[in-house]
Each structure stands twice: as C-alpha cells, then as structure tokens.
Amino acid sequence: MAGLVLLVCTMASALLLVLRVAGSDTVAVWLVVAMAVWFGFAWFVLPAVAWHRAVTPKNRE
C-alpha cells in the first residue's frame, strides 16, 4: 500500500515538473490533481469495491 502511495507521489511530482516547464502553472496543477484523483480511484476505490463484491454472499434472503 505504501509503495502505491509513493508511486503516485513520484508520478505527480514528475508530471507537475514537466507541465510547469511546458505550460502555465494553473493548468499544470489542475492536470496533476486530476491525474492523482484518477489513480486514487483506479488503484484504491475500484479494487475495494471489487473485493467487497467478492466477499459478500450473493443470496441475502
């Protein structure tokens, strides 16, 4: 878990560095925030939902 968090931080920092050099600061920050939210959703929320569906019983009657 800690490895994924550090990987997201590294990717966000690298993307922010490149985008701040290539474009405006405001656009760079918003793109990095959007990327971090997307990765957080794809790496943490979706697996948690899939795990929850896998462990809950199908018939709750």
Protein backbone atom coordinates (compact mmCIF):
# COMPACT_ATOMS: atom_id res chain seq x y z
CA MET A 1 0.00 0.00 0.00
CA ALA A 2 2.77 2.44 0.91
CA GLY A 3 4.52 1.65 -2.36
CA LEU A 4 1.49 2.69 -4.39
CA VAL A 5 1.18 5.93 -2.47
CA LEU A 6 4.84 6.74 -3.04
CA LEU A 7 4.48 5.85 -6.72
CA VAL A 8 1.55 8.26 -7.08
CA CYS A 9 3.56 10.99 -5.35
CA THR A 10 6.51 10.38 -7.66
CA MET A 11 4.36 10.40 -10.79
CA ALA A 12 2.52 13.55 -9.68
CA SER A 13 5.77 15.35 -8.91
CA ALA A 14 7.33 14.41 -12.24
CA LEU A 15 4.22 15.40 -14.17
CA LEU A 16 4.00 18.69 -12.30
CA LEU A 17 7.63 19.45 -13.07
CA VAL A 18 7.22 18.75 -16.78
CA LEU A 19 3.90 20.60 -17.11
CA ARG A 20 5.11 23.67 -15.23
CA VAL A 21 8.05 23.95 -17.62
CA ALA A 22 5.92 23.30 -20.71
CA GLY A 23 2.84 25.35 -19.85
CA SER A 24 1.14 27.52 -17.30
CA ASP A 25 1.24 26.80 -13.57
CA THR A 26 -2.52 26.79 -13.07
CA VAL A 27 -3.20 24.27 -15.82
CA ALA A 28 -0.34 22.10 -14.60
CA VAL A 29 -1.68 21.95 -11.05
CA TRP A 30 -5.20 21.08 -12.20
CA LEU A 31 -3.95 18.34 -14.52
CA VAL A 32 -1.82 16.83 -11.76
CA VAL A 33 -4.74 16.91 -9.33
CA ALA A 34 -6.96 15.21 -11.92
CA MET A 35 -4.29 12.55 -12.51
CA ALA A 36 -3.88 11.92 -8.79
CA VAL A 37 -7.65 11.59 -8.30
CA TRP A 38 -7.91 9.20 -11.25
CA PHE A 39 -5.10 6.99 -9.97
CA GLY A 40 -6.56 7.04 -6.47
CA PHE A 41 -9.88 5.91 -7.88
CA ALA A 42 -8.39 3.26 -10.15
CA TRP A 43 -5.87 1.87 -7.63
CA PHE A 44 -7.83 2.05 -4.37
CA VAL A 45 -11.58 2.54 -4.88
CA LEU A 46 -12.20 0.09 -7.73
CA PRO A 47 -10.23 -2.77 -6.09
CA ALA A 48 -12.02 -2.13 -2.78
CA VAL A 49 -15.41 -2.32 -4.49
CA ALA A 50 -14.42 -5.49 -6.36
CA TRP A 51 -13.14 -7.07 -3.15
CA HIS A 52 -16.31 -6.13 -1.28
CA ARG A 53 -18.49 -7.67 -4.00
CA ALA A 54 -16.37 -10.83 -3.99
CA VAL A 55 -16.63 -11.45 -0.24
CA THR A 56 -20.31 -10.62 0.25
CA PRO A 57 -22.76 -13.50 -0.16
CA LYS A 58 -24.83 -13.49 -3.34
CA ASN A 59 -28.12 -14.54 -1.75
CA ARG A 60 -29.12 -12.36 1.18
CA GLU A 61 -32.64 -13.72 1.57
